[in-house]
Amino acid sequence: MDFKFLISDLIKIKSQKEIGTDKGLAKIGDGIVNLVYSVAKSIYLTNNLNNKILRTGIKVNRTILSNALKNADMKNFARSRGDAHDLADTVEALIAYVWLNNDITLKDMIEFIAENLSGDLTIRTEEVKNATEAFKVLLNHIKSFLPEPIK
């Protein structure tokens, strides 16, 4: 099923800020981001812990997402002077937008994150650092699917 009709108004506007600050998109993206990271982390842990099958269900920390947005140099999609919560919402909105627009699949996002995770994800500080990098790589990939700045 095609879900583009859910973003048809945003496709016409082509405003980076309107896409990145859309609260409805952020809510949809929240579920997508958490699903993608949970499956990707499960894959990574299973492949790196003596092939013992591990399944995780995890909510991605706003620090991970906000830092990934900054590191991908995509703050122009966020509200001015946004805090970590606002920046995380922007990441979620952008991911929902490209998924609803059929630019990337859940499978592709899961693979991007899983392939870019590294280190010992059982140590929280290491997980934050490495997950931030993995989401930065994903954001850099989806940049090409997002509108250019209006001049």
Protein backbone atom coordinates (compact mmCIF):
# COMPACT_ATOMS: atom_id res chain seq x y z
CA MET A 1 0.00 0.00 0.00
CA ASP A 2 1.17 3.49 -0.83
CA PHE A 3 1.22 5.93 2.10
CA LYS A 4 2.38 9.02 0.18
CA PHE A 5 -1.05 10.60 0.59
CA LEU A 6 -0.19 11.10 4.27
CA ILE A 7 2.60 13.52 3.32
CA SER A 8 1.15 15.00 0.11
CA ASP A 9 0.82 18.43 1.75
CA LEU A 10 4.49 18.37 2.80
CA ILE A 11 5.67 17.17 -0.61
CA LYS A 12 4.04 20.25 -2.19
CA ILE A 13 5.55 22.67 0.33
CA LYS A 14 9.06 21.19 0.20
CA SER A 15 10.12 23.06 3.33
CA GLN A 16 12.85 21.46 5.40
CA LYS A 17 11.56 23.03 8.62
CA GLU A 18 7.93 22.04 8.00
CA ILE A 19 8.94 18.41 7.48
CA GLY A 20 11.38 18.34 10.39
CA THR A 21 9.02 19.97 12.88
CA ASP A 22 5.81 18.14 11.96
CA LYS A 23 4.57 16.59 15.24
CA GLY A 24 2.45 13.94 13.52
CA LEU A 25 5.43 12.75 11.48
CA ALA A 26 7.55 12.68 14.64
CA LYS A 27 4.99 10.42 16.35
CA ILE A 28 4.97 8.01 13.40
CA GLY A 29 8.77 8.20 13.22
CA ASP A 30 9.11 7.43 16.93
CA GLY A 31 7.66 3.97 16.37
CA ILE A 32 9.74 3.43 13.23
CA VAL A 33 12.99 4.51 14.91
CA ASN A 34 12.41 2.28 17.94
CA LEU A 35 11.50 -0.73 15.78
CA VAL A 36 14.48 -0.21 13.48
CA TYR A 37 16.95 0.16 16.35
CA SER A 38 15.51 -2.76 18.34
CA VAL A 39 15.85 -5.15 15.40
CA ALA A 40 19.26 -3.77 14.34
CA LYS A 41 20.61 -4.06 17.89
CA SER A 42 19.21 -7.60 18.15
CA ILE A 43 20.99 -8.54 14.91
CA TYR A 44 24.24 -6.92 16.04
CA LEU A 45 24.20 -8.56 19.48
CA THR A 46 23.28 -11.98 18.07
CA ASN A 47 26.12 -11.78 15.53
CA ASN A 48 28.67 -10.55 18.07
CA LEU A 49 27.91 -12.51 21.24
CA ASN A 50 28.83 -16.08 20.23
CA ASN A 51 25.69 -16.32 18.07
CA LYS A 52 23.46 -16.49 21.14
CA ILE A 53 20.11 -15.18 19.91
CA LEU A 54 19.20 -11.94 21.65
CA ARG A 55 16.06 -9.90 21.00
CA THR A 56 15.80 -6.40 22.35
CA GLY A 57 12.95 -3.95 22.49
CA ILE A 58 14.44 -0.58 23.15
CA LYS A 59 13.42 3.06 23.04
CA VAL A 60 16.13 5.11 21.40
CA ASN A 61 17.50 7.78 23.70
CA ARG A 62 16.95 11.38 22.57
CA THR A 63 20.67 12.06 23.10
CA ILE A 64 21.51 9.51 20.40
CA LEU A 65 19.11 11.04 17.90
CA SER A 66 19.85 14.69 18.67
CA ASN A 67 23.61 14.15 18.42
CA ALA A 68 23.19 12.17 15.19
CA LEU A 69 21.24 15.09 13.69
CA LYS A 70 23.96 17.56 14.71
CA ASN A 71 26.75 15.28 13.47
CA ALA A 72 24.99 14.84 10.12
CA ASP A 73 24.82 18.64 9.84
CA MET A 74 21.02 18.58 9.50
CA LYS A 75 19.93 21.01 12.22
CA ASN A 76 18.41 23.17 9.47
CA PHE A 77 15.43 20.76 9.55
CA ALA A 78 14.84 21.46 13.27
CA ARG A 79 13.23 24.37 15.04
CA SER A 80 15.58 27.20 15.92
CA ARG A 81 17.15 26.80 19.36
CA GLY A 82 15.56 23.39 19.74
CA ASP A 83 16.54 21.26 22.72
CA ALA A 84 17.55 17.58 22.58
CA HIS A 85 13.89 16.49 22.59
CA ASP A 86 13.08 18.79 19.62
CA LEU A 87 16.11 17.53 17.69
CA ALA A 88 15.17 13.90 18.36
CA ASP A 89 11.63 14.64 17.14
CA THR A 90 13.18 16.06 13.96
CA VAL A 91 15.09 12.83 13.31
CA GLU A 92 11.90 10.84 13.84
CA ALA A 93 9.94 13.14 11.50
CA LEU A 94 12.59 12.88 8.76
CA ILE A 95 12.70 9.09 8.99
CA ALA A 96 8.90 8.88 8.84
CA TYR A 97 8.87 11.23 5.84
CA VAL A 98 11.30 9.18 3.75
CA TRP A 99 9.59 5.92 4.72
CA LEU A 100 6.09 7.23 3.89
CA ASN A 101 7.48 8.58 0.61
CA ASN A 102 8.77 5.07 -0.26
CA ASP A 103 12.36 6.30 -0.44
CA ILE A 104 13.65 3.70 2.01
CA THR A 105 12.27 0.50 3.49
CA LEU A 106 12.29 -0.67 7.09
CA LYS A 107 14.60 -3.50 5.99
CA ASP A 108 17.07 -1.01 4.49
CA MET A 109 17.04 1.14 7.63
CA ILE A 110 17.54 -1.91 9.87
CA GLU A 111 20.48 -3.05 7.72
CA PHE A 112 22.04 0.45 7.69
CA ILE A 113 21.92 0.66 11.48
CA ALA A 114 23.02 -2.96 12.10
CA GLU A 115 25.97 -2.64 9.70
CA ASN A 116 27.12 0.58 11.34
CA LEU A 117 26.89 -0.49 14.96
CA SER A 118 30.15 -1.38 16.67
CA GLY A 119 31.72 -1.95 20.05
CA ASP A 120 30.21 -3.30 23.25
CA LEU A 121 26.58 -2.22 23.26
CA THR A 122 26.13 -3.58 26.77
CA ILE A 123 28.13 -0.60 28.06
CA ARG A 124 25.72 2.35 27.95
CA THR A 125 28.25 5.08 27.11
CA GLU A 126 29.67 2.98 24.29
CA GLU A 127 26.18 2.22 23.00
CA VAL A 128 25.27 5.92 22.92
CA LYS A 129 28.46 6.78 21.02
CA ASN A 130 28.13 3.94 18.50
CA ALA A 131 24.38 4.23 17.99
CA THR A 132 24.80 7.97 17.41
CA GLU A 133 27.32 7.19 14.66
CA ALA A 134 25.01 4.57 13.10
CA PHE A 135 22.08 7.01 13.01
CA LYS A 136 24.36 9.71 11.58
CA VAL A 137 25.21 7.37 8.70
CA LEU A 138 21.51 6.68 8.12
CA LEU A 139 20.68 10.40 8.19
CA ASN A 140 23.47 11.15 5.71
CA HIS A 141 22.01 8.49 3.43
CA ILE A 142 18.45 9.85 3.55
CA LYS A 143 19.58 13.46 2.96
CA SER A 144 19.34 12.89 -0.77
CA PHE A 145 15.61 12.08 -0.43
CA LEU A 146 14.81 15.32 1.41
CA PRO A 147 14.13 18.73 -0.11
CA GLU A 148 16.96 21.18 -0.66
CA PRO A 149 16.85 24.45 1.29
CA ILE A 150 14.57 27.09 -0.19
CA LYS A 151 16.70 29.97 -1.40
